[in-house]
C-alpha atoms as a PDB file:
ATOM      1  CA  MET A   1     -29.004 -14.776 -35.308  1.00  0.00           C
ATOM      2  CA  ALA A   2     -29.407 -17.847 -33.104  1.00  0.00           C
ATOM      3  CA  PRO A   3     -26.737 -18.568 -30.499  1.00  0.00           C
ATOM      4  CA  THR A   4     -24.279 -21.315 -31.347  1.00  0.00           C
ATOM      5  CA  ARG A   5     -24.180 -24.605 -29.504  1.00  0.00           C
ATOM      6  CA  PHE A   6     -21.044 -23.471 -27.676  1.00  0.00           C
ATOM      7  CA  ALA A   7     -22.704 -20.241 -26.498  1.00  0.00           C
ATOM      8  CA  ARG A   8     -25.776 -22.119 -25.239  1.00  0.00           C
ATOM      9  CA  GLY A   9     -23.516 -24.468 -23.244  1.00  0.00           C
ATOM     10  CA  CYS A  10     -21.659 -21.543 -21.648  1.00  0.00           C
ATOM     11  CA  ALA A  11     -24.933 -19.858 -20.751  1.00  0.00           C
ATOM     12  CA  ARG A  12     -26.157 -23.024 -19.044  1.00  0.00           C
ATOM     13  CA  ARG A  13     -22.953 -23.335 -17.031  1.00  0.00           C
ATOM     14  CA  THR A  14     -23.112 -19.752 -15.794  1.00  0.00           C
ATOM     15  CA  GLN A  15     -26.684 -20.253 -14.596  1.00  0.00           C
ATOM     16  CA  GLN A  16     -25.682 -23.015 -12.191  1.00  0.00           C
ATOM     17  CA  LYS A  17     -26.508 -22.124  -8.627  1.00  0.00           C
ATOM     18  CA  LEU A  18     -24.239 -22.701  -5.708  1.00  0.00           C
ATOM     19  CA  SER A  19     -25.074 -25.750  -3.661  1.00  0.00           C
ATOM     20  CA  LYS A  20     -24.406 -26.488  -0.027  1.00  0.00           C
ATOM     21  CA  ASN A  21     -21.419 -28.566  -1.167  1.00  0.00           C
ATOM     22  CA  ASP A  22     -19.776 -25.412  -2.543  1.00  0.00           C
ATOM     23  CA  LEU A  23     -19.992 -23.484   0.735  1.00  0.00           C
ATOM     24  CA  PRO A  24     -17.027 -25.124   2.504  1.00  0.00           C
ATOM     25  CA  GLY A  25     -14.680 -24.379  -0.366  1.00  0.00           C
ATOM     26  CA  LEU A  26     -15.882 -20.786  -0.645  1.00  0.00           C
ATOM     27  CA  ALA A  27     -15.511 -20.237   3.098  1.00  0.00           C
ATOM     28  CA  VAL A  28     -11.948 -21.577   3.061  1.00  0.00           C
ATOM     29  CA  LEU A  29     -11.111 -19.535  -0.064  1.00  0.00           C
ATOM     30  CA  PHE A  30     -12.390 -16.306   1.492  1.00  0.00           C
ATOM     31  CA  SER A  31     -10.583 -17.073   4.761  1.00  0.00           C
ATOM     32  CA  VAL A  32      -7.265 -17.393   2.884  1.00  0.00           C
ATOM     33  CA  ILE A  33      -7.919 -14.104   1.067  1.00  0.00           C
ATOM     34  CA  LEU A  34      -8.742 -12.405   4.383  1.00  0.00           C
ATOM     35  CA  PHE A  35      -5.566 -13.821   5.992  1.00  0.00           C
ATOM     36  CA  PHE A  36      -3.485 -12.193   3.229  1.00  0.00           C
ATOM     37  CA  LEU A  37      -5.385  -8.930   3.665  1.00  0.00           C
ATOM     38  CA  SER A  38      -4.849  -8.926   7.432  1.00  0.00           C
ATOM     39  CA  ALA A  39      -1.122  -9.643   7.033  1.00  0.00           C
ATOM     40  CA  THR A  40      -0.880  -6.733   4.614  1.00  0.00           C
ATOM     41  CA  LEU A  41      -2.689  -4.395   7.000  1.00  0.00           C
ATOM     42  CA  ILE A  42      -0.535  -5.413   9.958  1.00  0.00           C
ATOM     43  CA  TYR A  43       2.918  -5.827   8.365  1.00  0.00           C
ATOM     44  CA  GLY A  44       2.674  -4.004   5.025  1.00  0.00           C
ATOM     45  CA  TRP A  45       4.422  -0.832   6.204  1.00  0.00           C
ATOM     46  CA  LYS A  46       7.616  -2.840   6.776  1.00  0.00           C
ATOM     47  CA  LEU A  47       7.877  -3.399   3.024  1.00  0.00           C
ATOM     48  CA  ASP A  48       8.425   0.354   2.599  1.00  0.00           C
ATOM     49  CA  PHE A  49      10.935   0.576   5.426  1.00  0.00           C
ATOM     50  CA  GLU A  50      14.498   1.588   4.476  1.00  0.00           C
ATOM     51  CA  GLU A  51      17.581   1.615   6.681  1.00  0.00           C
ATOM     52  CA  LYS A  52      19.178   5.052   6.880  1.00  0.00           C
ATOM     53  CA  ASN A  53      22.532   3.767   5.621  1.00  0.00           C
ATOM     54  CA  SER A  54      20.907   2.370   2.439  1.00  0.00           C
ATOM     55  CA  LEU A  55      19.437   5.728   1.371  1.00  0.00           C
ATOM     56  CA  ILE A  56      20.820   7.796  -1.520  1.00  0.00           C
ATOM     57  CA  LYS A  57      21.815  11.430  -0.993  1.00  0.00           C
ATOM     58  CA  ILE A  58      20.582  13.866  -3.656  1.00  0.00           C
ATOM     59  CA  ALA A  59      21.311  17.594  -3.685  1.00  0.00           C
ATOM     60  CA  GLY A  60      19.827  20.131  -6.064  1.00  0.00           C
ATOM     61  CA  VAL A  61      17.509  23.040  -6.718  1.00  0.00           C
ATOM     62  CA  VAL A  62      13.754  22.741  -6.272  1.00  0.00           C
ATOM     63  CA  SER A  63      11.958  23.240  -9.583  1.00  0.00           C
ATOM     64  CA  GLY A  64       8.486  22.571  -8.172  1.00  0.00           C
ATOM     65  CA  PHE A  65       6.508  21.514  -5.102  1.00  0.00           C
ATOM     66  CA  GLU A  66       2.931  20.289  -4.997  1.00  0.00           C
ATOM     67  CA  GLN A  67       0.496  18.367  -2.855  1.00  0.00           C
ATOM     68  CA  THR A  68      -1.987  15.909  -4.345  1.00  0.00           C
ATOM     69  CA  ASN A  69      -4.936  13.960  -3.011  1.00  0.00           C
ATOM     70  CA  LYS A  70      -5.763  11.150  -5.441  1.00  0.00           C
ATOM     71  CA  SER A  71      -8.285   8.462  -4.619  1.00  0.00           C
ATOM     72  CA  LYS A  72      -5.880   5.555  -5.161  1.00  0.00           C
ATOM     73  CA  ALA A  73      -2.685   6.958  -3.666  1.00  0.00           C
ATOM     74  CA  GLY A  74      -4.086   9.249  -0.998  1.00  0.00           C
ATOM     75  CA  ARG A  75      -2.459  12.498   0.047  1.00  0.00           C
ATOM     76  CA  LYS A  76       1.083  12.895  -1.274  1.00  0.00           C
ATOM     77  CA  MET A  77       3.639  15.665  -1.470  1.00  0.00           C
ATOM     78  CA  HIS A  78       5.843  15.962  -4.541  1.00  0.00           C
ATOM     79  CA  VAL A  79       9.149  17.807  -4.755  1.00  0.00           C
ATOM     80  CA  TYR A  80      10.692  18.192  -8.209  1.00  0.00           C
ATOM     81  CA  LEU A  81      14.445  18.605  -7.967  1.00  0.00           C
ATOM     82  CA  SER A  82      17.016  19.520 -10.646  1.00  0.00           C
ATOM     83  CA  SER A  83      20.596  18.432 -10.091  1.00  0.00           C
ATOM     84  CA  ASN A  84      23.445  18.462 -12.653  1.00  0.00           C
ATOM     85  CA  GLY A  85      21.036  18.289 -15.585  1.00  0.00           C
ATOM     86  CA  ASP A  86      19.065  15.430 -14.021  1.00  0.00           C
ATOM     87  CA  ARG A  87      15.497  15.838 -12.820  1.00  0.00           C
ATOM     88  CA  TYR A  88      14.238  13.934  -9.771  1.00  0.00           C
ATOM     89  CA  HIS A  89      10.681  13.426  -8.602  1.00  0.00           C
ATOM     90  CA  LEU A  90      10.754  13.086  -4.809  1.00  0.00           C
ATOM     91  CA  THR A  91       7.548  11.960  -3.143  1.00  0.00           C
ATOM     92  CA  GLN A  92       6.233  10.900   0.244  1.00  0.00           C
ATOM     93  CA  ASP A  93       2.943  10.793   2.118  1.00  0.00           C
ATOM     94  CA  ASP A  94       1.776  14.347   2.751  1.00  0.00           C
ATOM     95  CA  LEU A  95       3.428  15.175   6.063  1.00  0.00           C
ATOM     96  CA  THR A  96       2.955  18.933   5.740  1.00  0.00           C
ATOM     97  CA  TYR A  97       0.284  19.021   8.459  1.00  0.00           C
ATOM     98  CA  SER A  98       2.561  17.298  10.969  1.00  0.00           C
ATOM     99  CA  PHE A  99       5.672  19.200   9.855  1.00  0.00           C
ATOM    100  CA  PRO A 100       4.636  22.709   8.700  1.00  0.00           C
ATOM    101  CA  ALA A 101       8.202  23.588   7.649  1.00  0.00           C
ATOM    102  CA  LEU A 102       7.633  21.385   4.589  1.00  0.00           C
ATOM    103  CA  ARG A 103       5.095  23.927   3.324  1.00  0.00           C
ATOM    104  CA  THR A 104       7.859  26.531   3.079  1.00  0.00           C
ATOM    105  CA  ILE A 105       9.695  24.632   0.325  1.00  0.00           C
ATOM    106  CA  SER A 106       9.532  26.752  -2.795  1.00  0.00           C
ATOM    107  CA  LYS A 107      10.952  26.936  -6.285  1.00  0.00           C
ATOM    108  CA  GLY A 108      14.638  27.850  -6.266  1.00  0.00           C
ATOM    109  CA  ASP A 109      15.455  26.431  -2.799  1.00  0.00           C
ATOM    110  CA  ARG A 110      18.646  24.378  -2.599  1.00  0.00           C
ATOM    111  CA  ILE A 111      17.901  21.175  -0.701  1.00  0.00           C
ATOM    112  CA  THR A 112      19.622  17.920   0.144  1.00  0.00           C
ATOM    113  CA  ALA A 113      17.475  14.825   0.491  1.00  0.00           C
ATOM    114  CA  LEU A 114      17.948  11.239   1.558  1.00  0.00           C
ATOM    115  CA  VAL A 115      15.828   9.100  -0.753  1.00  0.00           C
ATOM    116  CA  ALA A 116      15.067   5.495  -1.623  1.00  0.00           C
ATOM    117  CA  GLU A 117      14.448   4.408  -5.191  1.00  0.00           C
ATOM    118  CA  ASP A 118      10.936   3.247  -5.980  1.00  0.00           C
ATOM    119  CA  CYS A 119      10.709  -0.546  -5.823  1.00  0.00           C
ATOM    120  CA  CYS A 120       8.134  -0.657  -8.645  1.00  0.00           C
ATOM    121  CA  GLY A 121      10.451   0.936 -11.199  1.00  0.00           C
ATOM    122  CA  ARG A 122       8.502   4.190 -11.444  1.00  0.00           C
ATOM    123  CA  ASP A 123      10.477   7.341 -12.159  1.00  0.00           C
ATOM    124  CA  LEU A 124      10.381   8.686  -8.593  1.00  0.00           C
ATOM    125  CA  GLU A 125      12.255   8.515  -5.316  1.00  0.00           C
ATOM    126  CA  TRP A 126      10.736   8.226  -1.834  1.00  0.00           C
ATOM    127  CA  VAL A 127      11.891  11.013   0.492  1.00  0.00           C
ATOM    128  CA  TRP A 128      13.076  10.074   3.960  1.00  0.00           C
ATOM    129  CA  GLU A 129      14.898  13.252   4.969  1.00  0.00           C
ATOM    130  CA  ILE A 130      15.053  16.845   3.653  1.00  0.00           C
ATOM    131  CA  ASN A 131      17.616  19.494   4.592  1.00  0.00           C
ATOM    132  CA  ARG A 132      17.579  23.099   3.396  1.00  0.00           C
ATOM    133  CA  ASP A 133      20.561  25.377   4.047  1.00  0.00           C
ATOM    134  CA  GLY A 134      21.884  23.043   6.760  1.00  0.00           C
ATOM    135  CA  GLU A 135      18.520  23.006   8.567  1.00  0.00           C
ATOM    136  CA  THR A 136      16.624  19.719   8.781  1.00  0.00           C
ATOM    137  CA  ILE A 137      13.065  20.255   7.577  1.00  0.00           C
ATOM    138  CA  LEU A 138      12.077  16.574   7.716  1.00  0.00           C
ATOM    139  CA  SER A 139      14.232  14.056   9.588  1.00  0.00           C
ATOM    140  CA  TYR A 140      14.547  10.347   8.958  1.00  0.00           C
ATOM    141  CA  GLU A 141      13.136   9.650  12.421  1.00  0.00           C
ATOM    142  CA  ASP A 142      10.093  11.863  11.751  1.00  0.00           C
ATOM    143  CA  THR A 143       9.331   9.962   8.541  1.00  0.00           C
ATOM    144  CA  LEU A 144       9.808   6.595  10.254  1.00  0.00           C
ATOM    145  CA  ASN A 145       7.568   7.592  13.178  1.00  0.00           C
ATOM    146  CA  SER A 146       4.896   8.815  10.757  1.00  0.00           C
ATOM    147  CA  MET A 147       4.930   5.443   8.988  1.00  0.00           C
ATOM    148  CA  LYS A 148       4.706   3.624  12.315  1.00  0.00           C
ATOM    149  CA  ASP A 149       1.769   5.813  13.399  1.00  0.00           C
ATOM    150  CA  SER A 150      -0.038   4.988  10.176  1.00  0.00           C
ATOM    151  CA  ALA A 151       0.662   1.289  10.739  1.00  0.00           C
ATOM    152  CA  MET A 152      -0.691   1.551  14.283  1.00  0.00           C
ATOM    153  CA  ARG A 153      -4.000   2.807  12.874  1.00  0.00           C
ATOM    154  CA  SER A 154      -4.318  -0.079  10.391  1.00  0.00           C
ATOM    155  CA  GLY A 155      -3.030  -2.733  12.824  1.00  0.00           C
ATOM    156  CA  PRO A 156      -6.277  -3.176  14.812  1.00  0.00           C
ATOM    157  CA  ILE A 157      -8.262  -3.395  11.574  1.00  0.00           C
ATOM    158  CA  GLY A 158      -5.893  -6.122  10.395  1.00  0.00           C
ATOM    159  CA  LYS A 159      -6.339  -7.963  13.674  1.00  0.00           C
ATOM    160  CA  TYR A 160     -10.142  -7.995  13.318  1.00  0.00           C
ATOM    161  CA  VAL A 161      -9.852  -9.105   9.697  1.00  0.00           C
ATOM    162  CA  SER A 162      -7.690 -12.024  10.851  1.00  0.00           C
ATOM    163  CA  TYR A 163     -10.340 -12.953  13.447  1.00  0.00           C
ATOM    164  CA  LEU A 164     -12.941 -12.988  10.682  1.00  0.00           C
ATOM    165  CA  ALA A 165     -10.614 -15.149   8.550  1.00  0.00           C
ATOM    166  CA  CYS A 166     -10.258 -17.659  11.418  1.00  0.00           C
ATOM    167  CA  LEU A 167     -14.016 -17.745  11.857  1.00  0.00           C
ATOM    168  CA  LEU A 168     -14.526 -18.409   8.141  1.00  0.00           C
ATOM    169  CA  LEU A 169     -11.865 -21.133   8.166  1.00  0.00           C
ATOM    170  CA  VAL A 170     -13.515 -22.921  11.099  1.00  0.00           C
ATOM    171  CA  ALA A 171     -16.943 -22.526   9.451  1.00  0.00           C
ATOM    172  CA  GLY A 172     -15.558 -23.896   6.174  1.00  0.00           C
ATOM    173  CA  LEU A 173     -14.025 -26.920   7.871  1.00  0.00           C
ATOM    174  CA  GLY A 174     -17.221 -27.518   9.875  1.00  0.00           C
ATOM    175  CA  LEU A 175     -19.342 -27.345   6.716  1.00  0.00           C
ATOM    176  CA  ARG A 176     -16.894 -29.653   4.957  1.00  0.00           C
ATOM    177  CA  ILE A 177     -17.303 -32.233   7.718  1.00  0.00           C
ATOM    178  CA  LYS A 178     -21.103 -31.898   7.705  1.00  0.00           C
ATOM    179  CA  TYR A 179     -21.801 -31.724   3.937  1.00  0.00           C
ATOM    180  CA  GLY A 180     -18.594 -32.805   2.269  1.00  0.00           C
ATOM    181  CA  VAL A 181     -16.586 -35.936   1.734  1.00  0.00           C
ATOM    182  CA  TRP A 182     -15.712 -36.205   5.404  1.00  0.00           C
ATOM    183  CA  SER A 183     -19.356 -36.682   6.430  1.00  0.00           C
ATOM    184  CA  SER A 184     -19.372 -40.427   5.731  1.00  0.00           C
END
């Protein structure tokens, strides 16, 4: 079956090569994308930040505890809590290596947790503090410091990405002056 006239036209358009006139626009486009990426790397952790007074207190019995390491989400710990017939899925980055007491949580433990609801509408709560039998296993300050430490590791990467974005923006503007409309 021979391709239709429409299909032949689309095939011709996709075979067009980039010219030197397209480079300035591509450089500026990639610089904007890199600026957004660098802002996310530097300031993204603040989107997850919750004030202690805005957290919800949940008390109940642990019905399960697990640690996962998925490629998209990274290492997470999950505490499944039953309270008054409701079931809660508490999650947070896996802090069990920094705070070994978290590994002692087991089925049947009565815990109290300060949590924040998930902003994406998923059926889970983000743990900020865990207490078991009056003893603090994970404090709000520990969780906050862990998030800040993680942000400190991604901050320098974000800074270098922003330098690359600036370089691409300057290159794009320079190419626009040399090859584009501004050259005349």
